C-alpha cells in the first residue's frame, strides 16, 4: 500500500484492449492504472459531472507547470483553473497530452478493418469513436471533444520539430491519479494516433489496462503535487474554494 492510499483497494477491473469505459469518481479517490502487458495506450478525458462544460484542459495543464510531458507531481487542470486530479505515483516518467486521438480514417490506413459483424468484441475501434460512444451516455457531443491524455505513451520531437512516438509503459508499470474534485472519467484503450506498423505494431494493438480504486489519504501541507510549483498551489486553492462544502 502506498503512502497516498488510505485502506484497501475497493474495486478493480481490467479494460481489454481496443475498448472504452467511463465512471464518476469522488473527490479523495485514488485511481491506479496498470499496463498489464506493456505497450498500452490509455486515452483519457475528464469532465465536471455537475457542470459538463468544465473539462480537462491540456494547454493550461502544460503551460501552468512549464512542461511538455506529464509525470509524478503534475496536476491535471480544468478550463476553470481547478485541479481535477494529481499524478501522485508514476512508473513511466512520460505521458503524452498533445497528440489527441486516432480516428477511423487513420486506423484503416494502418491495419485491416474488422467490423463488429466480423469480429464482435474483437472489432477494430478507434479512440475518437470510442469517446463519442461514452459521450452519448451523458448528453455530450463532438462539440465537447478536447485534447485528451494518452497515458503510457511517450511523444518527443527532434531538432526539426518532427514528433516521434514510443510506448512508455512496460508490463506492470502503473500511474496513480488522486482526484481533487468529483470527476467524470472517460477512457479508451485504443491505439495512440502515432502508433503504426512502423512503430512496431504489425497488428492492431490490443493492450489491456487494469484500473483500481481506493480511498486517498488527506492532502498534506507538504504534498509533492501541491507544492511542485506556485501555480499548483493556486490551483489547489481554486479547487478548495469550489469543493470545501463537500
Protein backbone atom coordinates (compact mmCIF):
# COMPACT_ATOMS: atom_id res chain seq x y z
CA UNK A 1 0.00 0.00 0.00
CA UNK A 2 1.38 3.42 -0.95
CA UNK A 3 1.72 6.44 1.30
CA UNK A 4 -1.15 8.06 -0.59
CA UNK A 5 -3.64 5.22 -0.02
CA UNK A 6 -5.94 5.02 2.97
CA UNK A 7 -7.22 1.45 3.39
CA UNK A 8 -7.50 -1.41 0.95
CA UNK A 9 -8.36 -1.25 -2.74
CA UNK A 10 -12.15 -1.23 -3.01
CA UNK A 11 -12.60 -2.17 -6.67
CA UNK A 12 -10.50 -3.39 -9.58
CA UNK A 13 -11.21 -4.47 -13.14
CA UNK A 14 -9.44 -4.67 -16.49
CA UNK A 15 -10.28 -2.77 -19.66
CA UNK A 16 -9.49 -5.06 -22.56
CA UNK A 17 -7.50 -3.69 -25.48
CA UNK A 18 -9.47 -1.72 -28.06
CA UNK A 19 -12.33 -0.89 -25.70
CA UNK A 20 -13.82 2.05 -23.80
CA UNK A 21 -15.44 2.83 -20.43
CA UNK A 22 -16.47 5.70 -18.17
CA UNK A 23 -17.27 6.27 -14.50
CA UNK A 24 -17.72 9.05 -11.98
CA UNK A 25 -15.14 9.16 -9.21
CA UNK A 26 -15.46 11.11 -5.98
CA UNK A 27 -13.07 13.65 -4.55
CA UNK A 28 -10.45 11.81 -2.48
CA UNK A 29 -10.32 8.75 -4.77
CA UNK A 30 -7.13 7.11 -5.98
CA UNK A 31 -7.31 5.62 -9.47
CA UNK A 32 -4.36 3.35 -10.29
CA UNK A 33 -3.96 2.38 -13.94
CA UNK A 34 -1.63 -0.50 -14.83
CA UNK A 35 -0.23 -1.50 -18.22
CA UNK A 36 -0.80 -5.25 -18.00
CA UNK A 37 1.33 -6.47 -20.92
CA UNK A 38 3.41 -3.44 -21.87
CA UNK A 39 2.86 -1.18 -24.87
CA UNK A 40 -0.60 0.02 -23.84
CA UNK A 41 -2.16 3.39 -24.60
CA UNK A 42 -4.96 4.79 -22.47
CA UNK A 43 -6.82 7.78 -23.85
CA UNK A 44 -8.44 9.76 -21.03
CA UNK A 45 -10.75 12.77 -20.74
CA UNK A 46 -12.28 14.30 -17.62
CA UNK A 47 -15.38 16.43 -17.00
CA UNK A 48 -17.05 18.07 -14.02
CA UNK A 49 -20.12 15.80 -13.58
CA UNK A 50 -22.18 18.71 -12.18
CA UNK A 51 -21.25 21.14 -14.97
CA UNK A 52 -20.18 19.25 -18.07
CA UNK A 53 -18.93 22.44 -19.72
CA UNK A 54 -15.93 22.25 -17.39
CA UNK A 55 -13.37 19.71 -18.60
CA UNK A 56 -9.71 18.80 -18.62
CA UNK A 57 -7.62 21.44 -20.35
CA UNK A 58 -4.36 20.22 -21.86
CA UNK A 59 -2.83 23.62 -22.74
CA UNK A 60 -3.41 25.02 -19.25
CA UNK A 61 -2.05 21.85 -17.63
CA UNK A 62 1.17 22.13 -19.62
CA UNK A 63 1.82 25.87 -19.54
CA UNK A 64 0.96 26.24 -15.84
CA UNK A 65 3.61 23.67 -14.95
CA UNK A 66 6.12 24.62 -17.66
CA UNK A 67 6.27 21.14 -19.18
CA UNK A 68 5.59 19.20 -22.38
CA UNK A 69 5.20 15.82 -20.69
CA UNK A 70 3.23 14.72 -17.63
CA UNK A 71 4.52 12.57 -14.79
CA UNK A 72 4.58 12.35 -10.99
CA UNK A 73 3.95 15.69 -9.33
CA UNK A 74 1.99 17.20 -12.18
CA UNK A 75 -1.63 18.25 -11.83
CA UNK A 76 -4.41 17.92 -14.40
CA UNK A 77 -6.22 21.25 -14.69
CA UNK A 78 -9.73 22.04 -15.87
CA UNK A 79 -10.51 25.01 -18.09
CA UNK A 80 -11.73 26.78 -14.93
CA UNK A 81 -8.26 26.73 -13.36
CA UNK A 82 -9.11 23.97 -10.92
CA UNK A 83 -7.06 20.85 -10.23
CA UNK A 84 -9.18 17.87 -11.24
CA UNK A 85 -6.55 15.27 -10.38
CA UNK A 86 -2.90 14.97 -9.36
CA UNK A 87 -0.38 12.38 -10.53
CA UNK A 88 0.88 11.04 -7.21
CA UNK A 89 2.74 7.96 -8.48
CA UNK A 90 4.16 7.06 -11.87
CA UNK A 91 6.46 4.29 -13.12
CA UNK A 92 6.75 5.60 -16.69
CA UNK A 93 8.00 9.17 -16.36
CA UNK A 94 6.38 10.43 -19.55
CA UNK A 95 2.76 10.65 -20.71
CA UNK A 96 1.50 12.36 -23.87
CA UNK A 97 -1.11 15.11 -23.74
CA UNK A 98 -0.72 16.76 -27.18
CA UNK A 99 -1.44 14.19 -29.90
CA UNK A 100 -5.16 13.58 -29.39
CA UNK A 101 -6.96 10.57 -30.83
CA UNK A 102 -6.70 8.20 -33.73
CA UNK A 103 -9.80 8.38 -35.93
CA UNK A 104 -11.42 5.88 -38.29
CA UNK A 105 -9.53 7.01 -41.39
CA UNK A 106 -6.15 6.92 -39.68
CA UNK A 107 -6.83 3.46 -38.29
CA UNK A 108 -7.88 1.98 -41.64
CA UNK A 109 -4.72 3.32 -43.28
CA UNK A 110 -2.63 1.19 -40.91
CA UNK A 111 -4.45 -2.07 -40.19
CA UNK A 112 -7.19 -4.10 -41.86
CA UNK A 113 -10.67 -3.01 -40.87
CA UNK A 114 -12.60 -5.53 -38.77
CA UNK A 115 -16.29 -4.66 -38.34
CA UNK A 116 -18.38 -5.64 -35.33
CA UNK A 117 -20.26 -8.08 -37.55
CA UNK A 118 -16.95 -9.75 -38.40
CA UNK A 119 -15.15 -9.66 -35.08
CA UNK A 120 -17.77 -8.93 -32.41
CA UNK A 121 -15.79 -7.63 -29.40
CA UNK A 122 -12.56 -8.01 -31.40
CA UNK A 123 -13.53 -5.38 -33.95
CA UNK A 124 -11.07 -2.54 -34.61
CA UNK A 125 -12.15 0.53 -32.66
CA UNK A 126 -10.51 3.95 -32.80
CA UNK A 127 -10.14 6.43 -29.95
CA UNK A 128 -12.32 9.19 -31.38
CA UNK A 129 -15.37 6.99 -31.94
CA UNK A 130 -14.82 5.29 -28.58
CA UNK A 131 -15.01 8.63 -26.81
CA UNK A 132 -18.13 9.53 -28.79
CA UNK A 133 -19.91 6.35 -27.63
CA UNK A 134 -19.16 7.20 -23.99
CA UNK A 135 -20.10 10.87 -24.56
CA UNK A 136 -23.59 9.84 -25.65
CA UNK A 137 -24.26 8.32 -22.22
CA UNK A 138 -24.01 11.79 -20.64
CA UNK A 139 -25.53 14.00 -23.32
CA UNK A 140 -22.12 15.11 -24.58
CA UNK A 141 -21.48 15.62 -28.31
CA UNK A 142 -18.48 16.12 -30.59
CA UNK A 143 -18.57 19.80 -29.62
CA UNK A 144 -17.35 18.62 -26.20
CA UNK A 145 -14.28 16.83 -27.57
CA UNK A 146 -10.98 18.15 -26.25
CA UNK A 147 -7.29 17.29 -26.32
CA UNK A 148 -7.03 14.12 -24.28
CA UNK A 149 -4.35 12.43 -22.27
CA UNK A 150 -2.57 9.42 -23.77
CA UNK A 151 -1.24 7.59 -20.75
CA UNK A 152 1.62 5.08 -21.17
CA UNK A 153 2.65 6.82 -24.42
CA UNK A 154 5.77 8.93 -24.98
CA UNK A 155 5.91 11.56 -27.72
CA UNK A 156 9.04 13.64 -28.28
CA UNK A 157 10.40 15.92 -31.00
CA UNK A 158 13.66 16.15 -32.93
CA UNK A 159 15.54 19.34 -33.77
CA UNK A 160 13.28 19.95 -36.77
CA UNK A 161 10.12 19.63 -34.69
CA UNK A 162 9.08 16.21 -36.02
CA UNK A 163 7.19 14.16 -33.45
CA UNK A 164 8.11 10.56 -32.66
CA UNK A 165 6.17 8.06 -30.58
CA UNK A 166 7.10 5.10 -28.47
CA UNK A 167 5.28 3.16 -25.74
CA UNK A 168 6.34 4.40 -22.33
CA UNK A 169 4.99 1.51 -20.29
CA UNK A 170 6.42 -1.93 -19.62
CA UNK A 171 4.39 -4.83 -18.27
CA UNK A 172 3.31 -3.97 -14.75
CA UNK A 173 4.03 -0.23 -14.94
CA UNK A 174 1.35 1.95 -13.37
CA UNK A 175 0.27 5.54 -12.82
CA UNK A 176 -1.91 6.71 -9.92
CA UNK A 177 -4.23 9.69 -10.09
CA UNK A 178 -5.62 11.31 -6.95
CA UNK A 179 -8.86 13.16 -7.62
CA UNK A 180 -9.16 16.57 -6.00
CA UNK A 181 -12.80 17.05 -7.04
CA UNK A 182 -15.67 14.85 -8.19
CA UNK A 183 -14.86 13.94 -11.79
CA UNK A 184 -16.43 12.11 -14.71
CA UNK A 185 -13.63 9.97 -16.19
CA UNK A 186 -13.91 8.69 -19.76
CA UNK A 187 -11.22 6.43 -21.20
CA UNK A 188 -10.37 4.04 -24.01
CA UNK A 189 -7.60 1.52 -24.68
CA UNK A 190 -7.38 2.12 -28.43
CA UNK A 191 -4.10 2.76 -30.29
CA UNK A 192 -2.20 6.03 -29.97
CA UNK A 193 -2.64 8.22 -33.07
CA UNK A 194 1.05 7.81 -33.98
CA UNK A 195 1.06 4.02 -33.49
CA UNK A 196 1.56 2.05 -36.71
CA UNK A 197 3.40 -0.96 -38.15
CA UNK A 198 6.39 1.37 -38.44
CA UNK A 199 6.43 1.79 -34.65
CA UNK A 200 6.37 -1.96 -34.02
CA UNK A 201 2.64 -2.72 -34.13
CA UNK A 202 2.31 -5.01 -37.13
CA UNK A 203 -1.21 -5.88 -35.99
CA UNK A 204 -3.87 -3.73 -34.37
CA UNK A 205 -2.66 -3.48 -30.75
CA UNK A 206 -4.99 -4.87 -28.11
CA UNK A 207 -3.21 -3.96 -24.91
CA UNK A 208 -5.28 -4.25 -21.70
CA UNK A 209 -5.15 -1.77 -18.83
CA UNK A 210 -6.15 -2.64 -15.27
CA UNK A 211 -7.80 0.02 -13.13
CA UNK A 212 -8.15 0.00 -9.35
CA UNK A 213 -9.99 2.35 -6.98
CA UNK A 214 -9.02 3.18 -3.41
CA UNK A 215 -9.56 5.93 -0.87
CA UNK A 216 -6.82 8.56 -0.79
CA UNK A 217 -5.16 9.83 2.36
CA UNK A 218 -5.83 13.53 3.09
CA UNK A 219 -3.66 16.00 1.17
CA UNK A 220 -0.82 17.10 3.44
CA UNK A 221 0.55 20.63 3.62
CA UNK A 222 3.87 19.39 2.20
CA UNK A 223 2.19 17.40 -0.59
CA UNK A 224 4.56 16.96 -3.54
CA UNK A 225 1.99 17.76 -6.25
CA UNK A 226 0.55 20.76 -4.44
CA UNK A 227 4.00 22.28 -3.94
CA UNK A 228 5.62 21.38 -7.25
CA UNK A 229 5.24 24.99 -8.39
CA UNK A 230 3.40 28.15 -7.28
CA UNK A 231 0.78 27.63 -9.99
CA UNK A 232 -0.21 24.32 -8.41
CA UNK A 233 -0.64 25.97 -5.02
CA UNK A 234 -3.05 28.45 -6.62
CA UNK A 235 -4.81 25.63 -8.47
CA UNK A 236 -5.39 23.77 -5.20
CA UNK A 237 -6.76 26.97 -3.65
CA UNK A 238 -9.19 27.40 -6.55
CA UNK A 239 -10.32 23.81 -6.16
CA UNK A 240 -10.74 24.18 -2.38
CA UNK A 241 -12.99 27.22 -2.88
CA UNK A 242 -15.18 25.11 -5.17
CA UNK A 243 -15.26 21.93 -3.07
CA UNK A 244 -14.85 22.96 0.60
CA UNK A 245 -18.55 22.33 1.36
CA UNK A 246 -18.40 18.75 0.04
